[in-house]
Protein backbone atom coordinates (compact mmCIF):
# COMPACT_ATOMS: atom_id res chain seq x y z
CA UNK A 1 -6.81 8.21 9.31
CA UNK A 2 -6.12 11.48 8.56
CA UNK A 3 -3.54 11.97 11.06
CA UNK A 4 -1.73 8.66 10.17
CA UNK A 5 -1.72 9.48 6.84
CA UNK A 6 0.34 12.97 8.07
CA UNK A 7 2.47 11.29 10.01
CA UNK A 8 3.61 8.90 7.21
CA UNK A 9 3.87 11.55 4.79
CA UNK A 10 6.29 13.72 7.11
CA UNK A 11 8.92 10.44 7.98
CA UNK A 12 8.71 10.80 3.93
CA UNK A 13 9.40 13.99 3.71
CA UNK A 14 13.20 13.15 5.96
CA UNK A 15 14.07 11.42 2.57
CA UNK A 16 14.94 7.92 4.77
CA UNK A 17 15.25 4.81 2.17
CA UNK A 18 12.71 2.75 3.39
CA UNK A 19 9.72 3.55 6.45
CA UNK A 20 7.32 0.56 7.11
CA UNK A 21 4.17 0.46 9.15
CA UNK A 22 1.39 -1.66 9.71
CA UNK A 23 -1.45 0.46 11.05
CA UNK A 24 -4.61 -1.53 12.81
CA UNK A 25 -7.93 0.90 11.63
CA UNK A 26 -11.10 -0.45 13.09
CA UNK A 27 -13.71 -0.98 10.78
CA UNK A 28 -17.37 -0.59 10.43
CA UNK A 29 -18.32 -3.04 8.66
CA UNK A 30 -18.30 -6.31 9.99
CA UNK A 31 -16.19 -9.39 8.30
CA UNK A 32 -16.47 -12.92 8.50
CA UNK A 33 -13.45 -13.75 8.69
CA UNK A 34 -11.31 -15.83 11.29
CA UNK A 35 -8.05 -14.33 9.60
CA UNK A 36 -8.39 -10.42 9.61
CA UNK A 37 -7.06 -8.05 12.45
CA UNK A 38 -7.95 -4.51 10.24
CA UNK A 39 -8.80 -3.67 7.38
CA UNK A 40 -6.47 -1.37 6.29
CA UNK A 41 -2.30 -2.08 5.54
CA UNK A 42 -0.35 -0.15 3.93
CA UNK A 43 3.02 -0.62 2.10
CA UNK A 44 6.02 2.12 1.39
CA UNK A 45 8.29 2.04 -1.45
CA UNK A 46 11.36 3.44 -1.77
CA UNK A 47 12.30 6.37 -3.97
CA UNK A 48 12.02 5.23 -7.98
CA UNK A 49 11.63 1.92 -6.95
CA UNK A 50 8.43 -0.77 -6.67
CA UNK A 51 10.05 -3.36 -5.47
CA UNK A 52 8.27 -4.78 -2.43
CA UNK A 53 10.94 -4.32 0.88
CA UNK A 54 11.11 -7.46 3.26
CA UNK A 55 9.51 -4.98 5.53
CA UNK A 56 7.02 -4.63 3.01
CA UNK A 57 6.74 -7.90 2.92
CA UNK A 58 6.12 -9.26 5.99
CA UNK A 59 2.88 -6.74 6.22
CA UNK A 60 1.86 -7.98 3.39
CA UNK A 61 1.90 -11.36 4.76
CA UNK A 62 -0.37 -9.91 7.71
CA UNK A 63 -3.25 -9.69 4.78
CA UNK A 64 -5.34 -12.74 5.97
CA UNK A 65 -5.63 -15.22 3.22
CA UNK A 66 -8.87 -15.85 1.46
CA UNK A 67 -9.60 -12.03 1.48
CA UNK A 68 -10.52 -10.34 -1.03
CA UNK A 69 -9.06 -6.92 -1.44
CA UNK A 70 -8.29 -3.87 -3.55
CA UNK A 71 -4.65 -2.12 -3.85
CA UNK A 72 -4.25 1.73 -4.87
CA UNK A 73 -0.73 2.30 -5.67
CA UNK A 74 0.49 6.24 -5.40
CA UNK A 75 4.48 7.58 -6.35
CA UNK A 76 5.58 10.94 -5.01
CA UNK A 77 5.77 14.52 -6.80
CA UNK A 78 8.89 13.65 -7.98
CA UNK A 79 10.04 12.79 -11.80
CA UNK A 80 7.29 13.03 -14.37
CA UNK A 81 3.91 12.52 -14.11
CA UNK A 82 4.44 10.30 -16.79
CA UNK A 83 7.46 8.35 -14.33
CA UNK A 84 5.14 8.14 -12.23
CA UNK A 85 2.20 7.04 -13.44
CA UNK A 86 3.95 3.76 -14.65
CA UNK A 87 6.21 3.54 -11.04
CA UNK A 88 2.31 4.20 -9.13
CA UNK A 89 1.37 1.04 -11.13
CA UNK A 90 4.07 -1.40 -11.07
CA UNK A 91 3.78 -0.99 -7.68
CA UNK A 92 0.09 -1.77 -8.02
CA UNK A 93 0.82 -5.12 -10.16
CA UNK A 94 4.00 -6.33 -7.52
CA UNK A 95 1.67 -6.01 -4.28
CA UNK A 96 -1.57 -7.76 -6.57
CA UNK A 97 1.06 -10.33 -7.48
CA UNK A 98 2.94 -11.00 -3.83
CA UNK A 99 -0.57 -11.61 -2.55
CA UNK A 100 -2.66 -13.54 -5.39
CA UNK A 101 0.94 -16.09 -4.25
CA UNK A 102 -0.29 -16.29 -0.55
CA UNK A 103 -3.98 -17.03 -1.48
CA UNK A 104 -5.49 -13.01 -1.04
CA UNK A 105 -7.99 -12.39 -4.04
CA UNK A 106 -7.29 -8.67 -5.58
CA UNK A 107 -10.89 -7.16 -6.99
CA UNK A 108 -8.40 -4.06 -7.93
CA UNK A 109 -4.99 -2.57 -8.37
CA UNK A 110 -4.62 0.71 -9.44
CA UNK A 111 -2.12 2.99 -10.09
CA UNK A 112 -2.66 6.63 -9.17
CA UNK A 113 0.53 7.94 -9.99
CA UNK A 114 0.88 11.16 -7.60
CA UNK A 115 -2.25 12.19 -5.29
CA UNK A 116 -1.43 15.59 -3.46
CA UNK A 117 1.98 17.22 -2.85
CA UNK A 118 3.76 15.33 -0.82
CA UNK A 119 6.25 12.52 -0.44
CA UNK A 120 3.65 9.55 -1.11
CA UNK A 121 5.51 6.49 -2.18
CA UNK A 122 2.96 4.28 -0.89
CA UNK A 123 1.01 1.03 -1.53
CA UNK A 124 -2.14 0.93 0.67
CA UNK A 125 -4.12 -2.81 0.95
CA UNK A 126 -7.43 -2.21 1.84
CA UNK A 127 -10.24 -5.28 2.50
CA UNK A 128 -13.44 -5.25 -0.11
CA UNK A 129 -16.66 -4.23 1.05
């Protein structure tokens, strides 16, 4: 997983407007639904935006119905701490609303602000344990 995040951070460092990548991560926990093909989904955002892109929608549409998930969203280090915290909260909220409308149950949706020093405009959706 660390290599995947490092790869995404490298792509983001090149200052693209949008990068979306679906990554299948093997899970060690048994999940009792046929709709799950992975346990984590990654949605990337454009700089200074909480809008879910069309590619982000495709990623979220691949989340199985009737799952229970947690969402953690972050922001890149540009801007003030307060702005980045609010932006990450809005990203988590937008992803939660999108998934809820599809029938996915959201247990937690957290905006974490800036995490680390690299660009990380991302929301990670994880199947809840």
